[in-house]
Amino acid sequence: MEVLSLLSGLRDRGGGSYSAKCPAHDDRSPSLSIKLCDDGRILMHCFAGCDVEDVCSALGLTIADLMPEQPLDHLKRRARSTMPARDALASIDHEALVVALIAKDIHDNRTVKTEMVERLELAVTRIGKVRDAVAPARHRP
């Protein structure tokens, strides 16, 4: 199944990179970044904050559909990183902005709603996932 054919508002960014309207939310302009990797993997990131699981679900796909089956020895050789640095930095940048905005509200003694606390917790979780994808566990303190 061609993933790109399932997306609307598709724009070719070159080098196997695309942008499209995110199917997981009411997207008026393309906020979904798609990267077709040489090894067959398909990376997706919604800059509006949708989880890749939600994007896949909206397309009728699973995460496994984005990852081709690979021999076990290939996975062992690949101990460095499972996420390109550019994607990792973009994800961390977005989540850091969320953290900063909520921290400003806390600093300014504004009422922090439950939804904001939950979003802060999600940001911390997502930053941890990026860390786990970029840095092998054996190198962490």
Protein backbone atom coordinates (compact mmCIF):
# COMPACT_ATOMS: atom_id res chain seq x y z
CA MET A 1 0.00 0.00 0.00
CA GLU A 2 1.40 3.40 -0.98
CA VAL A 3 1.16 5.60 2.14
CA LEU A 4 1.56 8.83 0.19
CA SER A 5 -1.58 8.07 -1.84
CA LEU A 6 -3.61 8.09 1.40
CA LEU A 7 -2.66 11.68 2.23
CA SER A 8 -4.17 14.97 1.06
CA GLY A 9 -2.38 18.24 0.41
CA LEU A 10 0.81 16.31 -0.37
CA ARG A 11 3.89 18.39 -1.18
CA ASP A 12 7.21 16.95 -2.33
CA ARG A 13 10.05 18.53 -0.33
CA GLY A 14 12.77 16.58 -2.13
CA GLY A 15 15.10 13.86 -0.93
CA GLY A 16 12.24 11.56 0.05
CA SER A 17 10.66 14.19 2.30
CA TYR A 18 7.04 15.30 2.00
CA SER A 19 4.49 17.36 3.85
CA ALA A 20 0.74 16.79 3.91
CA LYS A 21 -2.41 17.63 5.82
CA CYS A 22 -2.53 15.55 8.98
CA PRO A 23 -5.47 13.13 8.85
CA ALA A 24 -5.61 12.91 12.66
CA HIS A 25 -6.92 16.45 13.12
CA ASP A 26 -8.75 19.14 11.14
CA ASP A 27 -5.68 20.38 9.29
CA ARG A 28 -6.07 23.43 7.07
CA SER A 29 -2.44 23.57 5.98
CA PRO A 30 0.13 20.77 5.87
CA SER A 31 1.51 20.04 9.34
CA LEU A 32 2.48 16.41 8.79
CA SER A 33 6.08 15.69 7.82
CA ILE A 34 6.78 12.39 6.06
CA LYS A 35 10.22 10.92 5.32
CA LEU A 36 10.67 7.85 3.12
CA CYS A 37 13.91 6.24 4.31
CA ASP A 38 16.25 4.23 2.11
CA ASP A 39 15.73 1.13 4.25
CA GLY A 40 11.95 1.18 3.67
CA ARG A 41 10.91 2.86 6.92
CA ILE A 42 8.40 5.69 6.79
CA LEU A 43 8.82 8.40 9.42
CA MET A 44 5.97 10.76 10.27
CA HIS A 45 5.75 13.76 12.56
CA CYS A 46 2.75 16.04 13.06
CA PHE A 47 3.88 19.51 14.05
CA ALA A 48 0.43 20.17 15.53
CA GLY A 49 1.16 17.48 18.13
CA CYS A 50 -0.71 14.38 16.94
CA ASP A 51 0.82 11.05 17.95
CA VAL A 52 2.04 8.88 15.09
CA GLU A 53 -0.36 6.19 16.35
CA ASP A 54 -3.30 8.57 15.79
CA VAL A 55 -2.04 9.50 12.32
CA CYS A 56 -1.70 5.82 11.40
CA SER A 57 -5.14 5.02 12.78
CA ALA A 58 -6.72 7.83 10.74
CA LEU A 59 -5.09 6.32 7.63
CA GLY A 60 -6.20 2.78 8.49
CA LEU A 61 -2.60 1.74 9.19
CA THR A 62 -0.56 0.51 12.13
CA ILE A 63 2.94 1.50 13.20
CA ALA A 64 4.12 -1.85 11.86
CA ASP A 65 2.99 -0.75 8.37
CA LEU A 66 5.59 2.01 8.53
CA MET A 67 8.42 -0.37 9.36
CA PRO A 68 9.47 -3.11 6.93
CA GLU A 69 10.56 -6.45 8.27
CA GLN A 70 14.33 -6.56 8.60
CA PRO A 71 16.72 -9.33 9.51
CA LEU A 72 17.70 -9.40 13.18
CA ASP A 73 21.40 -8.93 12.37
CA HIS A 74 20.56 -5.62 10.66
CA LEU A 75 18.94 -4.39 13.89
CA LYS A 76 21.97 -5.40 15.93
CA ARG A 77 24.32 -3.44 13.68
CA ARG A 78 22.15 -0.38 14.07
CA ALA A 79 22.94 0.58 17.67
CA ARG A 80 23.43 4.28 17.02
CA SER A 81 20.10 5.94 16.39
CA THR A 82 16.62 5.04 15.22
CA MET A 83 15.60 8.64 14.57
CA PRO A 84 17.30 11.14 12.28
CA ALA A 85 18.81 14.06 14.19
CA ARG A 86 16.73 16.59 12.24
CA ASP A 87 13.46 14.87 13.23
CA ALA A 88 14.63 14.51 16.83
CA LEU A 89 15.49 18.20 17.09
CA ALA A 90 12.18 19.24 15.51
CA SER A 91 10.26 17.09 18.00
CA ILE A 92 12.22 18.35 20.97
CA ASP A 93 11.86 21.95 19.76
CA HIS A 94 8.07 21.61 19.62
CA GLU A 95 7.77 19.93 23.02
CA ALA A 96 10.20 22.43 24.60
CA LEU A 97 7.94 25.25 23.39
CA VAL A 98 4.96 23.55 25.06
CA VAL A 99 6.94 23.23 28.30
CA ALA A 100 8.05 26.88 28.12
CA LEU A 101 4.52 28.19 27.57
CA ILE A 102 3.10 26.22 30.47
CA ALA A 103 6.05 27.20 32.68
CA LYS A 104 5.38 30.87 31.89
CA ASP A 105 1.77 30.47 33.03
CA ILE A 106 2.99 28.86 36.25
CA HIS A 107 5.57 31.62 36.76
CA ASP A 108 2.95 34.32 36.15
CA ASN A 109 0.73 32.67 38.81
CA ARG A 110 -1.98 31.90 36.27
CA THR A 111 -4.38 29.08 36.89
CA VAL A 112 -2.98 25.89 35.43
CA LYS A 113 -5.80 23.67 34.25
CA THR A 114 -5.71 19.89 34.44
CA GLU A 115 -5.44 19.75 30.64
CA MET A 116 -2.27 21.84 30.78
CA VAL A 117 -0.71 19.57 33.39
CA GLU A 118 -1.61 16.54 31.28
CA ARG A 119 -0.08 18.21 28.19
CA LEU A 120 3.08 18.97 30.18
CA GLU A 121 3.31 15.31 31.18
CA LEU A 122 2.84 14.31 27.52
CA ALA A 123 5.64 16.69 26.49
CA VAL A 124 7.99 15.10 29.01
CA THR A 125 7.02 11.63 27.76
CA ARG A 126 7.58 12.59 24.13
CA ILE A 127 10.97 14.13 24.91
CA GLY A 128 11.89 10.86 26.64
CA LYS A 129 10.79 8.87 23.59
CA VAL A 130 12.99 11.01 21.35
CA ARG A 131 15.90 10.50 23.77
CA ASP A 132 15.33 6.74 23.69
CA ALA A 133 15.18 6.73 19.89
CA VAL A 134 18.36 8.77 19.49
CA ALA A 135 20.60 7.56 22.34
CA PRO A 136 21.15 3.85 22.96
CA ALA A 137 20.31 2.79 26.52
CA ARG A 138 23.86 1.62 27.22
CA HIS A 139 25.13 5.20 26.94
CA ARG A 140 22.69 6.75 29.40
CA PRO A 141 23.72 7.49 33.00
